[in-house]
C-alpha atoms as a PDB file:
ATOM      1  CA  MET A   1      13.470   0.249 -16.669  1.00  0.00           C
ATOM      2  CA  ALA A   2      14.059   1.022 -13.140  1.00  0.00           C
ATOM      3  CA  MET A   3      17.458   0.444 -11.549  1.00  0.00           C
ATOM      4  CA  LEU A   4      17.274  -2.670  -9.376  1.00  0.00           C
ATOM      5  CA  ALA A   5      18.617  -3.799  -6.548  1.00  0.00           C
ATOM      6  CA  SER A   6      20.453  -7.714  -6.537  1.00  0.00           C
ATOM      7  CA  THR A   7      18.241  -9.680  -4.072  1.00  0.00           C
ATOM      8  CA  THR A   8      20.483 -11.685  -1.116  1.00  0.00           C
ATOM      9  CA  SER A   9      -0.445   5.626  20.253  1.00  0.00           C
ATOM     10  CA  ALA A  10       1.255   1.741  19.289  1.00  0.00           C
ATOM     11  CA  ALA A  11       4.425   0.708  21.270  1.00  0.00           C
ATOM     12  CA  PRO A  12       7.037   1.226  18.791  1.00  0.00           C
ATOM     13  CA  ARG A  13       8.207  -1.634  16.788  1.00  0.00           C
ATOM     14  CA  THR A  14      11.816  -3.423  16.894  1.00  0.00           C
ATOM     15  CA  ALA A  15      13.489  -2.306  13.477  1.00  0.00           C
ATOM     16  CA  ALA A  16      17.209  -3.491  12.256  1.00  0.00           C
ATOM     17  CA  PRO A  17      18.077   0.690  12.657  1.00  0.00           C
ATOM     18  CA  SER A  18      20.811  -0.629   9.011  1.00  0.00           C
ATOM     19  CA  VAL A  19      17.191  -0.407   6.964  1.00  0.00           C
ATOM     20  CA  LEU A  20      15.357   2.214   8.175  1.00  0.00           C
ATOM     21  CA  ALA A  21      18.189   4.808   8.805  1.00  0.00           C
ATOM     22  CA  ARG A  22      18.535   5.042   5.047  1.00  0.00           C
ATOM     23  CA  HIS A  23      15.308   4.797   4.289  1.00  0.00           C
ATOM     24  CA  ARG A  24      13.346   7.147   6.746  1.00  0.00           C
ATOM     25  CA  LEU A  25       9.852   7.786   5.763  1.00  0.00           C
ATOM     26  CA  ARG A  26       8.758  11.720   3.887  1.00  0.00           C
ATOM     27  CA  VAL A  27       5.184  12.092   3.754  1.00  0.00           C
ATOM     28  CA  VAL A  28       5.122  13.615   0.202  1.00  0.00           C
ATOM     29  CA  PRO A  29       1.548  16.357  -0.093  1.00  0.00           C
ATOM     30  CA  VAL A  30      -1.259  16.011  -1.667  1.00  0.00           C
ATOM     31  CA  ARG A  31      -0.865  17.110  -4.979  1.00  0.00           C
ATOM     32  CA  ALA A  32      -2.332  20.874  -5.879  1.00  0.00           C
ATOM     33  CA  GLY A  33      -5.670  20.904  -7.103  1.00  0.00           C
ATOM     34  CA  GLY A  34      -6.040  17.345  -4.655  1.00  0.00           C
ATOM     35  CA  LYS A  35      -7.681  17.047  -1.773  1.00  0.00           C
ATOM     36  CA  LYS A  36      -6.722  19.946   1.341  1.00  0.00           C
ATOM     37  CA  LYS A  37      -4.373  17.970   4.107  1.00  0.00           C
ATOM     38  CA  GLY A  38      -7.156  16.843   6.840  1.00  0.00           C
ATOM     39  CA  LYS A  39      -9.721  16.205   4.704  1.00  0.00           C
ATOM     40  CA  GLY A  40      -8.081  15.256   1.217  1.00  0.00           C
ATOM     41  CA  GLY A  41      -6.570  11.632   1.232  1.00  0.00           C
ATOM     42  CA  GLY A  42      -8.946   8.072  -0.520  1.00  0.00           C
ATOM     43  CA  GLY A  43      -9.604   5.664   1.950  1.00  0.00           C
ATOM     44  CA  GLY A  44     -11.366   5.326   4.830  1.00  0.00           C
ATOM     45  CA  ASP A  45     -14.655   5.661   6.091  1.00  0.00           C
ATOM     46  CA  ALA A  46     -16.719   9.328   4.478  1.00  0.00           C
ATOM     47  CA  SER A  47     -19.795   8.907   6.653  1.00  0.00           C
ATOM     48  CA  SER A  48     -17.649   8.676   9.848  1.00  0.00           C
ATOM     49  CA  SER A  49     -16.504  12.526   9.056  1.00  0.00           C
ATOM     50  CA  SER A  50     -19.775  13.269   8.023  1.00  0.00           C
ATOM     51  CA  SER A  51     -22.267  12.868  10.876  1.00  0.00           C
ATOM     52  CA  PRO A  52     -21.390  13.127  14.213  1.00  0.00           C
ATOM     53  CA  GLU A  53     -19.215  11.609  16.871  1.00  0.00           C
ATOM     54  CA  ARG A  54     -17.866  11.278  20.215  1.00  0.00           C
ATOM     55  CA  VAL A  55     -14.726  12.485  20.976  1.00  0.00           C
ATOM     56  CA  ASP A  56     -12.551   9.746  22.131  1.00  0.00           C
ATOM     57  CA  ARG A  57     -14.190   7.201  18.823  1.00  0.00           C
ATOM     58  CA  LEU A  58     -12.736  10.435  16.881  1.00  0.00           C
ATOM     59  CA  LEU A  59      -9.101  10.448  18.658  1.00  0.00           C
ATOM     60  CA  SER A  60      -9.188   6.651  18.391  1.00  0.00           C
ATOM     61  CA  ARG A  61     -10.809   6.509  14.509  1.00  0.00           C
ATOM     62  CA  LEU A  62      -7.609   8.918  13.414  1.00  0.00           C
ATOM     63  CA  GLY A  63      -4.484   7.598  16.038  1.00  0.00           C
ATOM     64  CA  TYR A  64      -4.658  10.396  18.008  1.00  0.00           C
ATOM     65  CA  CYS A  65      -4.654   8.020  21.390  1.00  0.00           C
ATOM     66  CA  ALA A  66      -6.577   5.074  22.514  1.00  0.00           C
ATOM     67  CA  ARG A  67     -10.045   5.494  23.259  1.00  0.00           C
ATOM     68  CA  GLY A  68      -9.739   4.136  26.939  1.00  0.00           C
ATOM     69  CA  GLU A  69      -6.707   7.444  26.599  1.00  0.00           C
ATOM     70  CA  ALA A  70      -8.876  10.300  25.239  1.00  0.00           C
ATOM     71  CA  LYS A  71     -10.559  11.110  29.010  1.00  0.00           C
ATOM     72  CA  ARG A  72      -7.074  12.462  29.445  1.00  0.00           C
ATOM     73  CA  TRP A  73      -6.644  14.351  26.532  1.00  0.00           C
ATOM     74  CA  VAL A  74      -9.920  15.983  27.308  1.00  0.00           C
ATOM     75  CA  GLY A  75      -9.325  16.831  30.703  1.00  0.00           C
ATOM     76  CA  ALA A  76      -5.624  18.729  28.935  1.00  0.00           C
ATOM     77  CA  GLY A  77      -7.724  20.877  27.040  1.00  0.00           C
ATOM     78  CA  ARG A  78      -6.114  18.663  23.627  1.00  0.00           C
ATOM     79  CA  VAL A  79      -9.450  19.226  22.281  1.00  0.00           C
ATOM     80  CA  THR A  80     -10.393  22.008  20.912  1.00  0.00           C
ATOM     81  CA  LEU A  81     -14.115  23.882  19.338  1.00  0.00           C
ATOM     82  CA  ASP A  82     -14.921  27.212  18.212  1.00  0.00           C
ATOM     83  CA  GLY A  83     -11.453  28.408  20.513  1.00  0.00           C
ATOM     84  CA  GLU A  84     -12.819  26.626  23.474  1.00  0.00           C
ATOM     85  CA  PRO A  85     -11.773  23.307  25.694  1.00  0.00           C
ATOM     86  CA  VAL A  86     -14.228  20.205  25.044  1.00  0.00           C
ATOM     87  CA  ARG A  87     -15.302  19.461  28.171  1.00  0.00           C
ATOM     88  CA  ARG A  88     -16.127  15.314  27.346  1.00  0.00           C
ATOM     89  CA  ALA A  89     -14.691  12.776  25.828  1.00  0.00           C
ATOM     90  CA  ASP A  90     -18.370  11.349  24.932  1.00  0.00           C
ATOM     91  CA  ALA A  91     -19.475  15.349  23.326  1.00  0.00           C
ATOM     92  CA  LYS A  92     -19.925  14.344  20.234  1.00  0.00           C
ATOM     93  CA  VAL A  93     -18.622  16.925  17.380  1.00  0.00           C
ATOM     94  CA  LEU A  94     -18.252  16.947  13.204  1.00  0.00           C
ATOM     95  CA  ALA A  95     -14.529  16.117  12.746  1.00  0.00           C
ATOM     96  CA  SER A  96     -15.004  17.877   9.204  1.00  0.00           C
ATOM     97  CA  SER A  97     -15.976  20.611  11.166  1.00  0.00           C
ATOM     98  CA  PRO A  98     -13.415  24.169  10.306  1.00  0.00           C
ATOM     99  CA  SER A  99     -13.055  24.722  14.003  1.00  0.00           C
ATOM    100  CA  LEU A 100     -12.440  21.891  15.286  1.00  0.00           C
ATOM    101  CA  ARG A 101      -8.394  21.514  16.261  1.00  0.00           C
ATOM    102  CA  ILE A 102      -6.007  18.313  17.951  1.00  0.00           C
ATOM    103  CA  ASP A 103      -3.389  19.640  19.644  1.00  0.00           C
ATOM    104  CA  GLY A 104      -3.791  23.166  17.919  1.00  0.00           C
ATOM    105  CA  GLU A 105      -3.867  21.123  14.795  1.00  0.00           C
ATOM    106  CA  ALA A 106      -7.168  20.149  12.244  1.00  0.00           C
ATOM    107  CA  PRO A 107      -7.166  16.599  12.641  1.00  0.00           C
ATOM    108  CA  GLU A 108      -5.391  14.860   9.848  1.00  0.00           C
ATOM    109  CA  PHE A 109      -7.190  12.810   7.204  1.00  0.00           C
ATOM    110  CA  ILE A 110     -10.436  12.509   8.644  1.00  0.00           C
ATOM    111  CA  HIS A 111     -12.004  10.749   5.075  1.00  0.00           C
ATOM    112  CA  GLY A 112      -9.468   7.366   5.527  1.00  0.00           C
ATOM    113  CA  ILE A 113      -5.736   7.271   4.116  1.00  0.00           C
ATOM    114  CA  THR A 114      -4.265   6.004   0.869  1.00  0.00           C
ATOM    115  CA  ALA A 115      -1.617   6.242  -0.302  1.00  0.00           C
ATOM    116  CA  VAL A 116       1.837   4.854  -2.093  1.00  0.00           C
ATOM    117  CA  MET A 117       4.992   3.972  -1.223  1.00  0.00           C
ATOM    118  CA  HIS A 118       8.303   3.467  -2.792  1.00  0.00           C
ATOM    119  CA  LYS A 119       8.774   0.253  -0.958  1.00  0.00           C
ATOM    120  CA  PRO A 120      12.656  -0.190  -0.538  1.00  0.00           C
ATOM    121  CA  ALA A 121      14.533  -3.507  -0.057  1.00  0.00           C
ATOM    122  CA  GLY A 122      15.059  -5.155   3.441  1.00  0.00           C
ATOM    123  CA  CYS A 123      11.238  -4.668   4.600  1.00  0.00           C
ATOM    124  CA  VAL A 124       8.769  -6.858   5.033  1.00  0.00           C
ATOM    125  CA  CYS A 125       4.355  -6.459   4.679  1.00  0.00           C
ATOM    126  CA  SER A 126       4.412  -7.873   8.334  1.00  0.00           C
ATOM    127  CA  HIS A 127       2.969  -6.865  11.370  1.00  0.00           C
ATOM    128  CA  ASP A 128       4.985  -9.357  12.606  1.00  0.00           C
ATOM    129  CA  ASN A 129       8.411  -8.133  14.616  1.00  0.00           C
ATOM    130  CA  ARG A 130       9.902 -12.114  14.789  1.00  0.00           C
ATOM    131  CA  GLU A 131       9.835 -10.717  10.446  1.00  0.00           C
ATOM    132  CA  GLY A 132      12.276  -8.277  10.273  1.00  0.00           C
ATOM    133  CA  PRO A 133      11.899  -4.638   9.194  1.00  0.00           C
ATOM    134  CA  SER A 134       8.934  -3.806   8.163  1.00  0.00           C
ATOM    135  CA  VAL A 135       7.101  -1.203   5.918  1.00  0.00           C
ATOM    136  CA  TYR A 136       5.437   0.046   8.645  1.00  0.00           C
ATOM    137  CA  ASP A 137       7.868   0.646  10.642  1.00  0.00           C
ATOM    138  CA  LEU A 138       8.285   3.251   8.123  1.00  0.00           C
ATOM    139  CA  LEU A 139       4.820   5.121   8.697  1.00  0.00           C
ATOM    140  CA  PRO A 140       3.810   7.737  10.766  1.00  0.00           C
ATOM    141  CA  GLU A 141       3.649   6.809  14.029  1.00  0.00           C
ATOM    142  CA  ARG A 142       0.150   8.020  14.225  1.00  0.00           C
ATOM    143  CA  TRP A 143      -0.815   6.245  10.510  1.00  0.00           C
ATOM    144  CA  ARG A 144      -0.005   3.059  12.800  1.00  0.00           C
ATOM    145  CA  SER A 145      -2.161   3.327  15.859  1.00  0.00           C
ATOM    146  CA  ARG A 146      -5.616   4.282  13.620  1.00  0.00           C
ATOM    147  CA  ASN A 147      -9.014   2.450  13.741  1.00  0.00           C
ATOM    148  CA  PRO A 148      -9.507   0.765  11.359  1.00  0.00           C
ATOM    149  CA  GLY A 149      -5.262   0.216  10.239  1.00  0.00           C
ATOM    150  CA  VAL A 150      -3.407   1.136   7.576  1.00  0.00           C
ATOM    151  CA  GLU A 151      -2.663  -2.263   5.664  1.00  0.00           C
ATOM    152  CA  THR A 152      -0.233  -2.570   2.596  1.00  0.00           C
ATOM    153  CA  VAL A 153      -2.708  -3.430  -0.360  1.00  0.00           C
ATOM    154  CA  GLY A 154      -1.421  -7.106  -1.171  1.00  0.00           C
ATOM    155  CA  ARG A 155       2.828  -8.067  -0.545  1.00  0.00           C
ATOM    156  CA  LEU A 156       6.511  -7.646  -1.672  1.00  0.00           C
ATOM    157  CA  ASP A 157       8.751  -9.708  -0.362  1.00  0.00           C
ATOM    158  CA  LYS A 158      11.486  -8.728   1.625  1.00  0.00           C
ATOM    159  CA  ASP A 159      13.937  -8.102  -1.208  1.00  0.00           C
ATOM    160  CA  THR A 160      11.490  -7.121  -3.908  1.00  0.00           C
ATOM    161  CA  THR A 161      11.566  -2.819  -4.114  1.00  0.00           C
ATOM    162  CA  GLY A 162       8.830  -1.098  -5.664  1.00  0.00           C
ATOM    163  CA  LEU A 163       4.809   0.916  -5.433  1.00  0.00           C
ATOM    164  CA  LEU A 164       3.230  -0.700  -2.783  1.00  0.00           C
ATOM    165  CA  LEU A 165       0.018   0.440  -1.831  1.00  0.00           C
ATOM    166  CA  LEU A 166      -1.129   1.123   1.566  1.00  0.00           C
ATOM    167  CA  THR A 167      -4.787   2.052   3.168  1.00  0.00           C
ATOM    168  CA  ASP A 168      -7.380   2.073   5.921  1.00  0.00           C
ATOM    169  CA  ASP A 169     -10.195   1.664   3.807  1.00  0.00           C
ATOM    170  CA  GLY A 170     -11.515  -1.985   4.079  1.00  0.00           C
ATOM    171  CA  ALA A 171     -14.230  -1.795   1.208  1.00  0.00           C
ATOM    172  CA  LEU A 172     -11.475  -0.380  -1.044  1.00  0.00           C
ATOM    173  CA  LEU A 173      -8.939  -3.236   0.109  1.00  0.00           C
ATOM    174  CA  HIS A 174     -10.900  -6.030  -1.039  1.00  0.00           C
ATOM    175  CA  ARG A 175     -11.851  -4.130  -4.590  1.00  0.00           C
ATOM    176  CA  LEU A 176      -8.218  -4.678  -4.571  1.00  0.00           C
ATOM    177  CA  THR A 177      -7.076  -8.142  -3.422  1.00  0.00           C
ATOM    178  CA  SER A 178     -10.388  -9.622  -5.075  1.00  0.00           C
ATOM    179  CA  PRO A 179      -9.894 -12.101  -7.682  1.00  0.00           C
ATOM    180  CA  LYS A 180     -12.584 -11.130  -9.591  1.00  0.00           C
ATOM    181  CA  LYS A 181     -10.723  -7.998 -11.015  1.00  0.00           C
ATOM    182  CA  LYS A 182      -8.436  -7.901 -13.089  1.00  0.00           C
ATOM    183  CA  VAL A 183      -5.832  -4.998 -12.143  1.00  0.00           C
ATOM    184  CA  ALA A 184      -2.815  -5.266 -14.464  1.00  0.00           C
ATOM    185  CA  LYS A 185       0.358  -4.482 -12.865  1.00  0.00           C
ATOM    186  CA  VAL A 186       4.081  -4.364 -13.487  1.00  0.00           C
ATOM    187  CA  TYR A 187       7.184  -6.468 -12.493  1.00  0.00           C
ATOM    188  CA  GLU A 188      10.966  -5.294 -13.908  1.00  0.00           C
ATOM    189  CA  VAL A 189      12.720  -8.154 -13.271  1.00  0.00           C
ATOM    190  CA  ILE A 190      16.459  -9.819 -13.219  1.00  0.00           C
ATOM    191  CA  VAL A 191      17.614 -13.099 -13.541  1.00  0.00           C
ATOM    192  CA  ASP A 192      20.902 -15.388 -14.093  1.00  0.00           C
ATOM    193  CA  ALA A 193      20.560 -16.255 -17.050  1.00  0.00           C
ATOM    194  CA  ASP A 194      19.204 -15.386 -20.955  1.00  0.00           C
ATOM    195  CA  LEU A 195      15.848 -15.435 -20.527  1.00  0.00           C
ATOM    196  CA  PRO A 196      14.250 -17.465 -23.194  1.00  0.00           C
ATOM    197  CA  LEU A 197      13.182 -15.878 -26.598  1.00  0.00           C
ATOM    198  CA  ASP A 198      10.168 -18.320 -26.530  1.00  0.00           C
ATOM    199  CA  ALA A 199       9.371 -17.050 -22.893  1.00  0.00           C
ATOM    200  CA  PRO A 200       6.614 -14.460 -24.443  1.00  0.00           C
ATOM    201  CA  ALA A 201       4.629 -16.397 -26.256  1.00  0.00           C
ATOM    202  CA  LEU A 202       3.732 -19.324 -23.155  1.00  0.00           C
ATOM    203  CA  PHE A 203       3.343 -16.437 -20.507  1.00  0.00           C
ATOM    204  CA  ALA A 204       0.667 -14.739 -23.673  1.00  0.00           C
ATOM    205  CA  SER A 205      -1.178 -19.130 -23.471  1.00  0.00           C
ATOM    206  CA  GLY A 206      -2.747 -18.858 -20.493  1.00  0.00           C
ATOM    207  CA  THR A 207      -1.860 -22.267 -20.714  1.00  0.00           C
ATOM    208  CA  LEU A 208       1.614 -22.091 -18.571  1.00  0.00           C
ATOM    209  CA  THR A 209       0.745 -24.712 -14.978  1.00  0.00           C
ATOM    210  CA  LEU A 210       3.021 -24.187 -11.823  1.00  0.00           C
ATOM    211  CA  THR A 211       4.148 -26.586  -9.893  1.00  0.00           C
ATOM    212  CA  GLY A 212       1.418 -27.183  -7.291  1.00  0.00           C
ATOM    213  CA  GLU A 213      -1.204 -25.328  -9.021  1.00  0.00           C
ATOM    214  CA  SER A 214      -4.336 -27.646 -10.445  1.00  0.00           C
ATOM    215  CA  LYS A 215      -5.283 -24.255 -12.819  1.00  0.00           C
ATOM    216  CA  PRO A 216      -2.736 -22.500 -15.515  1.00  0.00           C
ATOM    217  CA  CYS A 217      -1.449 -19.317 -15.050  1.00  0.00           C
ATOM    218  CA  ARG A 218      -3.790 -16.157 -16.541  1.00  0.00           C
ATOM    219  CA  PRO A 219      -1.866 -14.957 -19.673  1.00  0.00           C
ATOM    220  CA  ALA A 220       0.679 -12.614 -19.102  1.00  0.00           C
ATOM    221  CA  THR A 221       2.804 -10.356 -21.120  1.00  0.00           C
ATOM    222  CA  LEU A 222       6.625 -10.271 -20.854  1.00  0.00           C
ATOM    223  CA  ALA A 223       8.749  -7.764 -22.589  1.00  0.00           C
ATOM    224  CA  LEU A 224      12.845  -8.478 -23.308  1.00  0.00           C
ATOM    225  CA  ASP A 225      14.968  -5.613 -22.609  1.00  0.00           C
ATOM    226  CA  THR A 226      15.857  -5.329 -26.643  1.00  0.00           C
ATOM    227  CA  ASN A 227      19.802  -4.635 -24.979  1.00  0.00           C
ATOM    228  CA  ASP A 228      19.862  -7.278 -21.689  1.00  0.00           C
ATOM    229  CA  LYS A 229      18.953 -10.523 -22.444  1.00  0.00           C
ATOM    230  CA  ARG A 230      18.199 -11.524 -18.782  1.00  0.00           C
ATOM    231  CA  ARG A 231      16.184  -8.283 -18.171  1.00  0.00           C
ATOM    232  CA  GLY A 232      12.142  -7.799 -19.048  1.00  0.00           C
ATOM    233  CA  SER A 233       9.180  -5.768 -17.755  1.00  0.00           C
ATOM    234  CA  LEU A 234       6.591  -8.147 -16.698  1.00  0.00           C
ATOM    235  CA  THR A 235       2.747  -7.403 -16.740  1.00  0.00           C
ATOM    236  CA  LEU A 236       0.280  -9.900 -14.417  1.00  0.00           C
ATOM    237  CA  VAL A 237      -2.988  -9.207 -14.027  1.00  0.00           C
ATOM    238  CA  GLU A 238      -3.356 -12.026 -11.119  1.00  0.00           C
ATOM    239  CA  GLY A 239      -1.321 -12.762  -7.977  1.00  0.00           C
ATOM    240  CA  LYS A 240      -0.526 -16.365  -7.083  1.00  0.00           C
ATOM    241  CA  TYR A 241       1.823 -16.799  -4.555  1.00  0.00           C
ATOM    242  CA  HIS A 242       4.972 -15.442  -5.602  1.00  0.00           C
ATOM    243  CA  GLN A 243       4.279 -16.034  -8.918  1.00  0.00           C
ATOM    244  CA  VAL A 244       6.764 -13.732 -10.802  1.00  0.00           C
ATOM    245  CA  LYS A 245       9.574 -15.955  -9.800  1.00  0.00           C
ATOM    246  CA  ARG A 246       7.717 -19.583  -9.965  1.00  0.00           C
ATOM    247  CA  MET A 247       7.437 -18.193 -13.459  1.00  0.00           C
ATOM    248  CA  CYS A 248      10.877 -17.538 -14.099  1.00  0.00           C
ATOM    249  CA  ASN A 249      11.950 -20.745 -12.764  1.00  0.00           C
ATOM    250  CA  ALA A 250       9.379 -22.491 -15.106  1.00  0.00           C
ATOM    251  CA  VAL A 251      11.483 -21.090 -18.377  1.00  0.00           C
ATOM    252  CA  GLY A 252      15.067 -21.828 -16.603  1.00  0.00           C
ATOM    253  CA  CYS A 253      15.484 -18.679 -14.864  1.00  0.00           C
ATOM    254  CA  GLU A 254      16.744 -17.504 -11.144  1.00  0.00           C
ATOM    255  CA  VAL A 255      15.116 -14.017 -10.406  1.00  0.00           C
ATOM    256  CA  ILE A 256      17.621 -12.168  -8.510  1.00  0.00           C
ATOM    257  CA  ALA A 257      16.304  -8.883  -8.696  1.00  0.00           C
ATOM    258  CA  LEU A 258      12.226  -7.545  -8.883  1.00  0.00           C
ATOM    259  CA  HIS A 259      10.779  -4.525  -9.110  1.00  0.00           C
ATOM    260  CA  ARG A 260       6.895  -3.618  -9.441  1.00  0.00           C
ATOM    261  CA  SER A 261       6.903  -0.374 -11.079  1.00  0.00           C
ATOM    262  CA  SER A 262       3.604  -0.013 -11.523  1.00  0.00           C
ATOM    263  CA  PHE A 263       0.080  -0.984 -10.638  1.00  0.00           C
ATOM    264  CA  GLY A 264      -3.428   0.000 -12.658  1.00  0.00           C
ATOM    265  CA  ARG A 265      -2.107   2.771 -13.996  1.00  0.00           C
ATOM    266  CA  MET A 266      -0.441   3.850 -11.077  1.00  0.00           C
ATOM    267  CA  THR A 267       3.221   4.575 -11.229  1.00  0.00           C
ATOM    268  CA  LEU A 268       5.734   5.764  -8.669  1.00  0.00           C
ATOM    269  CA  ASP A 269       6.419   9.381 -10.401  1.00  0.00           C
ATOM    270  CA  GLY A 270       9.747  10.261  -8.586  1.00  0.00           C
ATOM    271  CA  LEU A 271       9.175   8.582  -5.511  1.00  0.00           C
ATOM    272  CA  ALA A 272      12.206   7.882  -3.713  1.00  0.00           C
ATOM    273  CA  GLU A 273      12.573   4.984  -1.972  1.00  0.00           C
ATOM    274  CA  GLY A 274      11.300   4.993   1.330  1.00  0.00           C
ATOM    275  CA  GLU A 275       9.134   7.857   0.412  1.00  0.00           C
ATOM    276  CA  VAL A 276       4.724   7.629   0.881  1.00  0.00           C
ATOM    277  CA  ARG A 277       2.090   9.844  -0.690  1.00  0.00           C
ATOM    278  CA  VAL A 278      -1.129  10.556  -0.086  1.00  0.00           C
ATOM    279  CA  LEU A 279      -3.137  10.139  -2.607  1.00  0.00           C
ATOM    280  CA  THR A 280      -6.814  11.738  -3.541  1.00  0.00           C
ATOM    281  CA  ARG A 281     -10.057   9.575  -4.161  1.00  0.00           C
ATOM    282  CA  GLU A 282      -9.753  11.720  -8.053  1.00  0.00           C
ATOM    283  CA  GLU A 283      -6.312   9.764  -8.405  1.00  0.00           C
ATOM    284  CA  LEU A 284      -7.808   6.546  -7.040  1.00  0.00           C
ATOM    285  CA  GLU A 285     -10.854   6.674  -9.697  1.00  0.00           C
ATOM    286  CA  ARG A 286      -8.002   7.660 -12.549  1.00  0.00           C
ATOM    287  CA  TRP A 287      -5.156   5.691 -12.129  1.00  0.00           C
ATOM    288  CA  ILE A 288      -7.434   2.402 -10.437  1.00  0.00           C
ATOM    289  CA  GLY A 289     -10.315   2.522 -11.930  1.00  0.00           C
ATOM    290  CA  PRO A 290     -12.720  -0.028 -11.293  1.00  0.00           C
ATOM    291  CA  GLY A 291     -10.958  -3.142 -11.654  1.00  0.00           C
ATOM    292  CA  GLU A 292     -12.020  -5.661 -14.938  1.00  0.00           C
ATOM    293  CA  ASP A 293     -14.418  -8.523 -13.943  1.00  0.00           C
ATOM    294  CA  ALA A 294     -12.734 -11.755 -14.241  1.00  0.00           C
ATOM    295  CA  GLU A 295     -13.950 -14.958 -15.654  1.00  0.00           C
ATOM    296  CA  ASP A 296     -13.738 -16.812 -12.021  1.00  0.00           C
ATOM    297  CA  GLU A 297     -12.582 -16.407  -8.490  1.00  0.00           C
ATOM    298  CA  GLU A 298      -9.464 -18.611  -8.682  1.00  0.00           C
ATOM    299  CA  GLY A 299      -6.044 -18.062  -8.809  1.00  0.00           C
ATOM    300  CA  GLY A 300      -4.923 -16.073  -5.969  1.00  0.00           C
ATOM    301  CA  ASP A 301      -6.288 -13.330  -3.668  1.00  0.00           C
ATOM    302  CA  GLY A 302      -4.829 -11.183  -6.797  1.00  0.00           C
ATOM    303  CA  LEU A 303      -2.425  -9.415  -4.648  1.00  0.00           C
ATOM    304  CA  GLU A 304       0.196 -11.882  -3.340  1.00  0.00           C
ATOM    305  CA  GLU A 305       3.796 -11.884  -2.181  1.00  0.00           C
ATOM    306  CA  ARG A 306       6.042 -12.016  -4.898  1.00  0.00           C
END
């Protein structure tokens, strides 16, 4: 079981340094065999990089600057094509052109970004500064400035650690959070009392109805730790609000630590807390797959906060 910790250009965000200083993000390079930087990663709108687009739109889309600032970038010679400065912000270029350079480098992630983060404790999945340090504070500023922006796929609450997906691909985001899809998520849990021996059967029965809900939870798999009766591994295919905690409460236990170890067939695969790795489209299809249709659309958005 994964190690668990007990629960207890956009303008820079205000964040608590005690949390963020411990988890300075390191972007792990795309794996060998994947697509190269600047053309790699899943997500985004591939059509935008396969047809010419205005320079000001490109700079804004990829997070280099706001569209209104593009004239200054162009005027300063920061965008070049075939070694020559592009003269007009409304000039059209092909993002995938091998001779296109922005500040002397090929543009980053022109097809979009989909990445996996090992979320540390103490960070929320929110853009609201009032809620405290955020996972977005850990991202490179250019990622935070992309248009459309990079968003979390669902949420993990402040003290939950583990696998968190982020993407700027709206279609993928919908696919992964749709209640019509049953993408399995595995959570490693520690509770404050021994988990009842009949809890696995109850969770698997599909009859457990949580307080305030009108429909029972879909069948879930609870594997009890043979060495520690207060630990278990819970696999869900839906995402009701704080579902893991509420399911454990239903059998007389309070969650004191929670860690998401997998999403579909995807795992953290050695990522340290605070690290992020950009995924290739091939990895997304291999690890997540198309998902399985559920019988109805009720029961949460599939990836609610834990």
